[in-house]
Amino acid sequence: MAGEDKTVSGMAGRYASALFDLATEAGQVDQVQADLGRFQTLLEGSDDLRRLVKSPVFSAEDQLKAIKAVIDKAGIGGLAGNLLKVVASNRRLFAVEGIIRGYSALVAQSRGEVTAQVTVAEGLSAANAKTLSAALKDVLGKEPRIDVKVDPAILGGLIVKVGSRMVDTSLRTKLNAIRTAMKEVG
């Protein structure tokens, strides 16, 4: 089922697809998503955990011990906990964020949901988020789930990705286009 899906790809996609298939069979799709969400929150909130996940310096044994301690303390068990242990013991912990994104994409697709990834220079106000949601609903024909990422490097504007479509209205892109045009003239 999910193995035939082109929503996720690569090594992280294979892990996400396998986890989604297992969770579907066990009727635990929502529980696994909640557990993975808790782990993602821990990851975003801890520089040490992020270093453990990303760094190739730590051995598989060290990563596994640390992950077991983290998930036990966070109460993450079942399929999500087992996945995190397997990924750590296979030295694939660096791909955990991609696995979580892939799993979320498979869950959203199975429910017929559309996710828009929006990158902004600074956080969206409630009014701007509502306006953006309404504009995306007009274009997509259904209410999207919006994942907002703040990246000050884009300077202003936004970058919206829905599936394979992307609209880049960032100030950085416009300035780069002007710079390129100026080089061609001079």
N, C-alpha and C. Protein backbone atom coordinates (compact mmCIF):
# COMPACT_ATOMS: atom_id res chain seq x y z
N MET A 1 0.84 -1.20 0.00
CA MET A 1 0.00 0.00 0.00
C MET A 1 0.87 1.25 0.00
N ALA A 2 1.55 1.54 1.11
CA ALA A 2 2.38 2.73 1.14
C ALA A 2 3.67 2.52 0.37
N GLY A 3 4.10 1.27 0.20
CA GLY A 3 5.31 0.99 -0.52
C GLY A 3 5.22 1.42 -1.98
N GLU A 4 4.01 1.47 -2.54
CA GLU A 4 3.83 1.87 -3.92
C GLU A 4 3.70 3.39 -4.06
N ASP A 5 3.62 4.08 -2.96
CA ASP A 5 3.39 5.52 -2.95
C ASP A 5 4.65 6.28 -3.33
N LYS A 6 4.50 7.34 -4.09
CA LYS A 6 5.63 8.16 -4.51
C LYS A 6 5.74 9.42 -3.65
N THR A 7 4.93 9.54 -2.59
CA THR A 7 4.96 10.70 -1.72
C THR A 7 6.29 10.78 -0.98
N VAL A 8 6.80 9.64 -0.56
CA VAL A 8 8.05 9.59 0.18
C VAL A 8 9.03 8.74 -0.60
N SER A 9 10.31 9.08 -0.50
CA SER A 9 11.30 8.32 -1.24
C SER A 9 12.59 8.24 -0.45
N GLY A 10 13.51 7.46 -0.95
CA GLY A 10 14.81 7.32 -0.31
C GLY A 10 14.73 6.44 0.92
N MET A 11 15.83 6.41 1.63
CA MET A 11 15.92 5.56 2.82
C MET A 11 14.91 5.97 3.89
N ALA A 12 14.78 7.26 4.14
CA ALA A 12 13.81 7.72 5.13
C ALA A 12 12.40 7.35 4.71
N GLY A 13 12.11 7.42 3.41
CA GLY A 13 10.80 7.05 2.89
C GLY A 13 10.50 5.59 3.09
N ARG A 14 11.50 4.74 2.95
CA ARG A 14 11.28 3.30 3.15
C ARG A 14 10.93 3.01 4.61
N TYR A 15 11.64 3.66 5.52
CA TYR A 15 11.32 3.50 6.95
C TYR A 15 9.91 4.02 7.24
N ALA A 16 9.59 5.20 6.70
CA ALA A 16 8.27 5.80 6.93
C ALA A 16 7.17 4.91 6.37
N SER A 17 7.37 4.37 5.17
CA SER A 17 6.36 3.49 4.55
C SER A 17 6.16 2.23 5.35
N ALA A 18 7.26 1.63 5.80
CA ALA A 18 7.16 0.41 6.60
C ALA A 18 6.43 0.69 7.91
N LEU A 19 6.77 1.80 8.56
CA LEU A 19 6.11 2.17 9.81
C LEU A 19 4.63 2.43 9.58
N PHE A 20 4.30 3.11 8.49
CA PHE A 20 2.90 3.40 8.18
C PHE A 20 2.12 2.10 7.95
N ASP A 21 2.71 1.18 7.22
CA ASP A 21 2.05 -0.11 6.98
C ASP A 21 1.80 -0.86 8.29
N LEU A 22 2.82 -0.90 9.15
CA LEU A 22 2.66 -1.58 10.44
C LEU A 22 1.61 -0.89 11.31
N ALA A 23 1.64 0.42 11.35
CA ALA A 23 0.67 1.18 12.16
C ALA A 23 -0.74 0.99 11.64
N THR A 24 -0.90 0.94 10.32
CA THR A 24 -2.22 0.72 9.73
C THR A 24 -2.75 -0.65 10.10
N GLU A 25 -1.91 -1.67 9.97
CA GLU A 25 -2.31 -3.04 10.32
C GLU A 25 -2.69 -3.15 11.79
N ALA A 26 -1.96 -2.44 12.64
CA ALA A 26 -2.22 -2.51 14.08
C ALA A 26 -3.30 -1.54 14.53
N GLY A 27 -3.77 -0.68 13.63
CA GLY A 27 -4.78 0.31 14.01
C GLY A 27 -4.24 1.39 14.94
N GLN A 28 -2.94 1.71 14.78
CA GLN A 28 -2.30 2.66 15.68
C GLN A 28 -1.73 3.87 14.95
N VAL A 29 -2.31 4.23 13.83
CA VAL A 29 -1.78 5.33 13.02
C VAL A 29 -1.71 6.63 13.84
N ASP A 30 -2.78 6.96 14.54
CA ASP A 30 -2.81 8.21 15.32
C ASP A 30 -1.84 8.17 16.49
N GLN A 31 -1.75 7.02 17.17
CA GLN A 31 -0.84 6.88 18.31
C GLN A 31 0.61 7.05 17.87
N VAL A 32 0.97 6.41 16.75
CA VAL A 32 2.34 6.53 16.24
C VAL A 32 2.63 7.96 15.85
N GLN A 33 1.67 8.63 15.20
CA GLN A 33 1.87 10.02 14.80
C GLN A 33 2.07 10.91 16.03
N ALA A 34 1.29 10.67 17.07
CA ALA A 34 1.44 11.46 18.30
C ALA A 34 2.80 11.23 18.94
N ASP A 35 3.25 9.96 18.99
CA ASP A 35 4.56 9.65 19.57
C ASP A 35 5.69 10.28 18.76
N LEU A 36 5.59 10.19 17.44
CA LEU A 36 6.62 10.80 16.59
C LEU A 36 6.61 12.32 16.75
N GLY A 37 5.44 12.90 16.90
CA GLY A 37 5.33 14.34 17.13
C GLY A 37 6.00 14.75 18.43
N ARG A 38 5.82 13.93 19.48
CA ARG A 38 6.48 14.22 20.76
C ARG A 38 8.00 14.14 20.60
N PHE A 39 8.48 13.15 19.86
CA PHE A 39 9.92 13.04 19.66
C PHE A 39 10.43 14.24 18.85
N GLN A 40 9.70 14.65 17.84
CA GLN A 40 10.10 15.82 17.03
C GLN A 40 10.18 17.06 17.90
N THR A 41 9.23 17.23 18.81
CA THR A 41 9.24 18.37 19.73
C THR A 41 10.47 18.32 20.63
N LEU A 42 10.79 17.13 21.13
CA LEU A 42 12.00 16.98 21.95
C LEU A 42 13.25 17.34 21.15
N LEU A 43 13.27 16.90 19.90
CA LEU A 43 14.41 17.14 19.03
C LEU A 43 14.58 18.63 18.76
N GLU A 44 13.49 19.33 18.53
CA GLU A 44 13.55 20.76 18.27
C GLU A 44 13.94 21.56 19.50
N GLY A 45 13.67 21.00 20.67
CA GLY A 45 13.93 21.73 21.91
C GLY A 45 15.26 21.43 22.57
N SER A 46 16.03 20.50 22.01
CA SER A 46 17.27 20.11 22.67
C SER A 46 18.44 20.06 21.70
N ASP A 47 19.40 20.95 21.93
CA ASP A 47 20.61 20.94 21.10
C ASP A 47 21.39 19.64 21.28
N ASP A 48 21.41 19.11 22.51
CA ASP A 48 22.14 17.87 22.78
C ASP A 48 21.52 16.69 22.03
N LEU A 49 20.21 16.60 22.03
CA LEU A 49 19.53 15.51 21.32
C LEU A 49 19.76 15.66 19.81
N ARG A 50 19.69 16.87 19.32
CA ARG A 50 19.93 17.12 17.89
C ARG A 50 21.36 16.71 17.51
N ARG A 51 22.32 17.02 18.39
CA ARG A 51 23.71 16.66 18.15
C ARG A 51 23.86 15.13 18.13
N LEU A 52 23.19 14.46 19.06
CA LEU A 52 23.24 13.00 19.11
C LEU A 52 22.69 12.39 17.82
N VAL A 53 21.59 12.94 17.34
CA VAL A 53 20.93 12.43 16.15
C VAL A 53 21.76 12.68 14.89
N LYS A 54 22.35 13.85 14.78
CA LYS A 54 23.05 14.25 13.55
C LYS A 54 24.51 13.81 13.48
N SER A 55 25.17 13.68 14.62
CA SER A 55 26.61 13.46 14.63
C SER A 55 27.00 12.01 14.35
N PRO A 56 27.93 11.79 13.42
CA PRO A 56 28.42 10.43 13.16
C PRO A 56 29.46 9.98 14.19
N VAL A 57 29.82 10.85 15.11
CA VAL A 57 30.85 10.55 16.10
C VAL A 57 30.37 9.50 17.10
N PHE A 58 29.08 9.51 17.43
CA PHE A 58 28.55 8.58 18.42
C PHE A 58 28.38 7.20 17.81
N SER A 59 28.74 6.18 18.59
CA SER A 59 28.57 4.80 18.11
C SER A 59 27.10 4.41 18.14
N ALA A 60 26.76 3.34 17.45
CA ALA A 60 25.38 2.86 17.43
C ALA A 60 24.94 2.49 18.85
N GLU A 61 25.85 1.93 19.62
CA GLU A 61 25.51 1.54 21.00
C GLU A 61 25.18 2.77 21.85
N ASP A 62 26.01 3.81 21.72
CA ASP A 62 25.77 5.05 22.47
C ASP A 62 24.45 5.69 22.06
N GLN A 63 24.20 5.74 20.75
CA GLN A 63 22.95 6.31 20.26
C GLN A 63 21.76 5.52 20.78
N LEU A 64 21.86 4.20 20.73
CA LEU A 64 20.75 3.35 21.18
C LEU A 64 20.48 3.54 22.67
N LYS A 65 21.53 3.58 23.48
CA LYS A 65 21.36 3.81 24.93
C LYS A 65 20.68 5.15 25.18
N ALA A 66 21.16 6.19 24.51
CA ALA A 66 20.62 7.53 24.71
C ALA A 66 19.16 7.60 24.24
N ILE A 67 18.85 7.02 23.09
CA ILE A 67 17.48 7.05 22.56
C ILE A 67 16.55 6.28 23.48
N LYS A 68 17.00 5.13 23.98
CA LYS A 68 16.16 4.37 24.93
C LYS A 68 15.83 5.22 26.16
N ALA A 69 16.83 5.93 26.69
CA ALA A 69 16.61 6.77 27.86
C ALA A 69 15.64 7.91 27.55
N VAL A 70 15.81 8.53 26.38
CA VAL A 70 14.95 9.65 26.00
C VAL A 70 13.51 9.19 25.81
N ILE A 71 13.31 8.10 25.07
CA ILE A 71 11.93 7.68 24.79
C ILE A 71 11.25 7.10 26.03
N ASP A 72 12.04 6.47 26.92
CA ASP A 72 11.44 5.99 28.17
C ASP A 72 10.96 7.15 29.02
N LYS A 73 11.79 8.19 29.12
CA LYS A 73 11.41 9.37 29.91
C LYS A 73 10.22 10.11 29.28
N ALA A 74 10.16 10.13 27.94
CA ALA A 74 9.08 10.83 27.25
C ALA A 74 7.82 9.99 27.13
N GLY A 75 7.89 8.72 27.49
CA GLY A 75 6.72 7.85 27.39
C GLY A 75 6.39 7.45 25.96
N ILE A 76 7.40 7.41 25.10
CA ILE A 76 7.21 7.01 23.71
C ILE A 76 7.50 5.52 23.63
N GLY A 77 6.47 4.77 23.28
CA GLY A 77 6.65 3.32 23.20
C GLY A 77 6.01 2.78 21.95
N GLY A 78 5.67 1.53 21.98
CA GLY A 78 4.99 0.90 20.86
C GLY A 78 5.79 0.95 19.58
N LEU A 79 5.10 1.11 18.48
CA LEU A 79 5.74 1.09 17.17
C LEU A 79 6.73 2.24 16.98
N ALA A 80 6.37 3.43 17.44
CA ALA A 80 7.26 4.58 17.29
C ALA A 80 8.54 4.38 18.09
N GLY A 81 8.42 3.90 19.31
CA GLY A 81 9.60 3.63 20.14
C GLY A 81 10.48 2.57 19.52
N ASN A 82 9.84 1.51 19.00
CA ASN A 82 10.61 0.44 18.35
C ASN A 82 11.33 0.96 17.11
N LEU A 83 10.64 1.82 16.34
CA LEU A 83 11.28 2.38 15.15
C LEU A 83 12.51 3.18 15.54
N LEU A 84 12.39 4.03 16.55
CA LEU A 84 13.52 4.86 16.96
C LEU A 84 14.69 3.99 17.43
N LYS A 85 14.41 2.90 18.10
CA LYS A 85 15.48 1.99 18.54
C LYS A 85 16.13 1.31 17.33
N VAL A 86 15.34 0.85 16.39
CA VAL A 86 15.87 0.19 15.20
C VAL A 86 16.72 1.16 14.39
N VAL A 87 16.21 2.38 14.22
CA VAL A 87 16.95 3.38 13.45
C VAL A 87 18.28 3.69 14.14
N ALA A 88 18.28 3.79 15.46
CA ALA A 88 19.52 4.06 16.19
C ALA A 88 20.49 2.89 16.06
N SER A 89 20.01 1.67 16.20
CA SER A 89 20.91 0.52 16.13
C SER A 89 21.43 0.29 14.72
N ASN A 90 20.71 0.77 13.70
CA ASN A 90 21.16 0.65 12.31
C ASN A 90 21.98 1.86 11.85
N ARG A 91 22.31 2.77 12.78
CA ARG A 91 23.08 3.99 12.48
C ARG A 91 22.39 4.85 11.43
N ARG A 92 21.07 4.95 11.53
CA ARG A 92 20.28 5.77 10.61
C ARG A 92 19.54 6.87 11.35
N LEU A 93 19.98 7.17 12.55
CA LEU A 93 19.30 8.16 13.38
C LEU A 93 19.31 9.53 12.72
N PHE A 94 20.31 9.81 11.89
CA PHE A 94 20.39 11.09 11.19
C PHE A 94 19.18 11.31 10.28
N ALA A 95 18.47 10.25 9.90
CA ALA A 95 17.34 10.36 8.98
C ALA A 95 16.00 10.44 9.71
N VAL A 96 16.01 10.52 11.02
CA VAL A 96 14.75 10.45 11.78
C VAL A 96 13.79 11.58 11.43
N GLU A 97 14.29 12.78 11.18
CA GLU A 97 13.39 13.88 10.83
C GLU A 97 12.72 13.62 9.48
N GLY A 98 13.44 13.08 8.54
CA GLY A 98 12.87 12.72 7.24
C GLY A 98 11.84 11.60 7.38
N ILE A 99 12.10 10.67 8.28
CA ILE A 99 11.16 9.58 8.52
C ILE A 99 9.87 10.14 9.10
N ILE A 100 9.99 11.05 10.04
CA ILE A 100 8.81 11.65 10.67
C ILE A 100 8.01 12.45 9.64
N ARG A 101 8.70 13.24 8.80
CA ARG A 101 8.01 13.98 7.74
C ARG A 101 7.32 13.03 6.77
N GLY A 102 8.01 11.97 6.39
CA GLY A 102 7.44 10.99 5.46
C GLY A 102 6.22 10.30 6.03
N TYR A 103 6.30 9.93 7.30
CA TYR A 103 5.16 9.29 7.96
C TYR A 103 3.97 10.24 8.00
N SER A 104 4.22 11.48 8.36
CA SER A 104 3.14 12.47 8.42
C SER A 104 2.52 12.68 7.05
N ALA A 105 3.35 12.68 6.00
CA ALA A 105 2.83 12.84 4.63
C ALA A 105 1.95 11.65 4.24
N LEU A 106 2.35 10.45 4.64
CA LEU A 106 1.55 9.26 4.33
C LEU A 106 0.22 9.28 5.07
N VAL A 107 0.25 9.71 6.32
CA VAL A 107 -0.99 9.82 7.10
C VAL A 107 -1.92 10.85 6.46
N ALA A 108 -1.36 12.00 6.12
CA ALA A 108 -2.17 13.06 5.49
C ALA A 108 -2.76 12.57 4.17
N GLN A 109 -1.96 11.90 3.38
CA GLN A 109 -2.45 11.41 2.08
C GLN A 109 -3.55 10.37 2.28
N SER A 110 -3.39 9.51 3.27
CA SER A 110 -4.41 8.48 3.50
C SER A 110 -5.74 9.10 3.94
N ARG A 111 -5.67 10.27 4.54
CA ARG A 111 -6.88 10.96 4.99
C ARG A 111 -7.40 11.97 3.96
N GLY A 112 -6.69 12.09 2.86
CA GLY A 112 -7.09 13.05 1.83
C GLY A 112 -6.76 14.48 2.18
N GLU A 113 -5.84 14.67 3.10
CA GLU A 113 -5.45 16.02 3.52
C GLU A 113 -4.36 16.56 2.60
N VAL A 114 -4.28 17.87 2.51
CA VAL A 114 -3.24 18.53 1.74
C VAL A 114 -2.41 19.35 2.73
N THR A 115 -1.08 19.21 2.62
CA THR A 115 -0.19 19.96 3.50
C THR A 115 0.58 20.98 2.68
N ALA A 116 0.57 22.21 3.13
CA ALA A 116 1.35 23.28 2.50
C ALA A 116 2.49 23.64 3.43
N GLN A 117 3.71 23.57 2.90
CA GLN A 117 4.88 23.97 3.67
C GLN A 117 5.17 25.42 3.32
N VAL A 118 5.08 26.28 4.32
CA VAL A 118 5.24 27.72 4.12
C VAL A 118 6.47 28.19 4.87
N THR A 119 7.38 28.84 4.15
CA THR A 119 8.57 29.42 4.77
C THR A 119 8.41 30.93 4.75
N VAL A 120 8.57 31.53 5.93
CA VAL A 120 8.41 32.97 6.08
C VAL A 120 9.64 33.54 6.79
N ALA A 121 9.85 34.85 6.64
CA ALA A 121 10.99 35.50 7.29
C ALA A 121 10.76 35.69 8.78
N GLU A 122 9.52 35.89 9.17
CA GLU A 122 9.17 36.00 10.59
C GLU A 122 7.80 35.38 10.78
N GLY A 123 7.47 35.00 12.00
CA GLY A 123 6.22 34.29 12.27
C GLY A 123 4.99 34.97 11.71
N LEU A 124 4.01 34.16 11.33
CA LEU A 124 2.75 34.69 10.79
C LEU A 124 1.83 35.11 11.92
N SER A 125 1.18 36.24 11.76
CA SER A 125 0.15 36.64 12.72
C SER A 125 -1.08 35.78 12.45
N ALA A 126 -2.01 35.76 13.36
CA ALA A 126 -3.24 34.97 13.19
C ALA A 126 -4.01 35.43 11.96
N ALA A 127 -4.07 36.73 11.74
CA ALA A 127 -4.79 37.27 10.58
C ALA A 127 -4.11 36.85 9.27
N ASN A 128 -2.77 36.92 9.23
CA ASN A 128 -2.05 36.51 8.02
C ASN A 128 -2.18 35.02 7.76
N ALA A 129 -2.16 34.23 8.83
CA ALA A 129 -2.31 32.78 8.68
C ALA A 129 -3.70 32.45 8.12
N LYS A 130 -4.71 33.17 8.60
CA LYS A 130 -6.08 32.95 8.13
C LYS A 130 -6.21 33.34 6.65
N THR A 131 -5.62 34.46 6.27
CA THR A 131 -5.64 34.92 4.88
C THR A 131 -4.92 33.92 3.98
N LEU A 132 -3.76 33.45 4.42
CA LEU A 132 -3.00 32.48 3.65
C LEU A 132 -3.79 31.18 3.49
N SER A 133 -4.40 30.71 4.56
CA SER A 133 -5.20 29.50 4.52
C SER A 133 -6.36 29.63 3.54
N ALA A 134 -7.03 30.78 3.56
CA ALA A 134 -8.15 31.02 2.64
C ALA A 134 -7.68 31.05 1.19
N ALA A 135 -6.53 31.69 0.94
CA ALA A 135 -5.99 31.75 -0.43
C ALA A 135 -5.61 30.36 -0.92
N LEU A 136 -4.99 29.57 -0.06
CA LEU A 136 -4.62 28.20 -0.45
C LEU A 136 -5.85 27.33 -0.66
N LYS A 137 -6.88 27.56 0.15
CA LYS A 137 -8.12 26.79 -0.02
C LYS A 137 -8.75 27.10 -1.39
N ASP A 138 -8.72 28.36 -1.80
CA ASP A 138 -9.24 28.74 -3.11
C ASP A 138 -8.49 28.05 -4.23
N VAL A 139 -7.16 27.98 -4.11
CA VAL A 139 -6.33 27.37 -5.16
C VAL A 139 -6.44 25.85 -5.16
N LEU A 140 -6.42 25.25 -3.98
CA LEU A 140 -6.37 23.79 -3.86
C LEU A 140 -7.75 23.13 -3.87
N GLY A 141 -8.77 23.88 -3.54
CA GLY A 141 -10.11 23.32 -3.50
C GLY A 141 -10.45 22.61 -2.20
N LYS A 142 -9.53 22.58 -1.26
CA LYS A 142 -9.79 22.01 0.07
C LYS A 142 -8.93 22.69 1.11
N GLU A 143 -9.32 22.55 2.34
CA GLU A 143 -8.63 23.20 3.45
C GLU A 143 -7.26 22.55 3.65
N PRO A 144 -6.18 23.31 3.52
CA PRO A 144 -4.85 22.72 3.71
C PRO A 144 -4.42 22.76 5.18
N ARG A 145 -3.52 21.86 5.52
CA ARG A 145 -2.83 21.93 6.80
C ARG A 145 -1.55 22.70 6.50
N ILE A 146 -1.26 23.73 7.26
CA ILE A 146 -0.13 24.59 6.97
C ILE A 146 0.98 24.37 7.99
N ASP A 147 2.16 23.98 7.48
CA ASP A 147 3.36 23.85 8.30
C ASP A 147 4.21 25.08 8.04
N VAL A 148 4.39 25.90 9.06
CA VAL A 148 5.14 27.14 8.91
C VAL A 148 6.55 26.95 9.42
N LYS A 149 7.51 27.38 8.60
CA LYS A 149 8.92 27.36 8.99
C LYS A 149 9.42 28.80 8.89
N VAL A 150 10.08 29.28 9.93
CA VAL A 150 10.62 30.64 9.94
C VAL A 150 12.08 30.58 9.52
N ASP A 151 12.42 31.33 8.47
CA ASP A 151 13.79 31.40 7.97
C ASP A 151 14.10 32.86 7.65
N PRO A 152 14.76 33.57 8.58
CA PRO A 152 15.06 34.99 8.36
C PRO A 152 15.90 35.25 7.11
N ALA A 153 16.57 34.23 6.59
CA ALA A 153 17.44 34.41 5.42
C ALA A 153 16.66 34.78 4.16
N ILE A 154 15.34 34.51 4.12
CA ILE A 154 14.58 34.87 2.92
C ILE A 154 14.23 36.36 2.90
N LEU A 155 14.50 37.07 3.99
CA LEU A 155 14.35 38.52 4.13
C LEU A 155 12.91 39.01 4.18
N GLY A 156 12.03 38.47 3.39
CA GLY A 156 10.63 38.88 3.36
C GLY A 156 9.88 38.03 2.36
N GLY A 157 8.57 38.18 2.30
CA GLY A 157 7.76 37.38 1.40
C GLY A 157 7.57 35.97 1.93
N LEU A 158 7.22 35.04 1.05
CA LEU A 158 7.06 33.66 1.46
C LEU A 158 7.41 32.69 0.36
N ILE A 159 7.65 31.46 0.80
CA ILE A 159 7.86 30.35 -0.12
C ILE A 159 6.82 29.31 0.27
N VAL A 160 5.97 28.92 -0.69
CA VAL A 160 4.90 27.95 -0.41
C VAL A 160 5.15 26.72 -1.27
N LYS A 161 5.19 25.55 -0.60
CA LYS A 161 5.33 24.27 -1.31
C LYS A 161 4.11 23.42 -1.00
N VAL A 162 3.47 22.95 -2.04
CA VAL A 162 2.36 22.00 -1.91
C VAL A 162 2.66 20.87 -2.89
N GLY A 163 3.00 19.71 -2.33
CA GLY A 163 3.39 18.61 -3.20
C GLY A 163 4.63 18.99 -3.98
N SER A 164 4.56 18.84 -5.30
CA SER A 164 5.72 19.18 -6.14
C SER A 164 5.67 20.62 -6.65
N ARG A 165 4.63 21.35 -6.30
CA ARG A 165 4.51 22.75 -6.73
C ARG A 165 5.11 23.68 -5.69
N MET A 166 5.79 24.72 -6.20
CA MET A 166 6.39 25.69 -5.29
C MET A 166 6.21 27.09 -5.86
N VAL A 167 5.84 28.01 -4.99
CA VAL A 167 5.75 29.41 -5.35
C VAL A 167 6.70 30.16 -4.42
N ASP A 168 7.68 30.84 -5.02
CA ASP A 168 8.69 31.55 -4.25
C ASP A 168 8.54 33.05 -4.49
N THR A 169 7.98 33.75 -3.51
CA THR A 169 7.84 35.20 -3.60
C THR A 169 8.75 35.88 -2.58
N SER A 170 9.83 35.18 -2.21
CA SER A 170 10.72 35.74 -1.19
C SER A 170 11.51 36.90 -1.74
N LEU A 171 11.83 37.81 -0.87
CA LEU A 171 12.61 38.99 -1.23
C LEU A 171 14.02 38.58 -1.67
N ARG A 172 14.58 37.56 -1.04
CA ARG A 172 15.90 37.07 -1.41
C ARG A 172 15.93 36.64 -2.88
N THR A 173 14.92 35.89 -3.33
CA THR A 173 14.85 35.43 -4.71
C THR A 173 14.71 36.60 -5.67
N LYS A 174 13.89 37.57 -5.31
CA LYS A 174 13.72 38.75 -6.17
C LYS A 174 15.02 39.54 -6.27
N LEU A 175 15.73 39.70 -5.16
CA LEU A 175 17.00 40.41 -5.19
C LEU A 175 18.04 39.66 -6.03
N ASN A 176 18.05 38.34 -5.92
CA ASN A 176 18.98 37.55 -6.74
C ASN A 176 18.65 37.69 -8.22
N ALA A 177 17.37 37.76 -8.57
CA ALA A 177 16.97 37.94 -9.97
C ALA A 177 17.43 39.30 -10.48
N ILE A 178 17.31 40.32 -9.64
CA ILE A 178 17.77 41.67 -10.03
C ILE A 178 19.28 41.66 -10.20
N ARG A 179 19.99 41.02 -9.29
CA ARG A 179 21.45 40.94 -9.37
C ARG A 179 21.87 40.26 -10.68
N THR A 180 21.20 39.18 -11.03
CA THR A 180 21.51 38.47 -12.29
C THR A 180 21.23 39.36 -13.49
N ALA A 181 20.10 40.05 -13.46
CA ALA A 181 19.77 40.96 -14.57
C ALA A 181 20.79 42.08 -14.71
N MET A 182 21.27 42.60 -13.58
CA MET A 182 22.27 43.67 -13.61
C MET A 182 23.58 43.17 -14.20
N LYS A 183 23.97 41.94 -13.89
CA LYS A 183 25.20 41.38 -14.44
C LYS A 183 25.10 41.22 -15.95
N GLU A 184 23.90 40.84 -16.44
CA GLU A 184 23.72 40.65 -17.87
C GLU A 184 23.79 41.98 -18.62
N VAL A 185 23.32 43.04 -17.99
CA VAL A 185 23.32 44.36 -18.62
C VAL A 185 24.74 44.90 -18.68
N GLY A 186 25.48 44.76 -17.58
CA GLY A 186 26.79 45.38 -17.47
C GLY A 186 27.84 44.47 -17.89
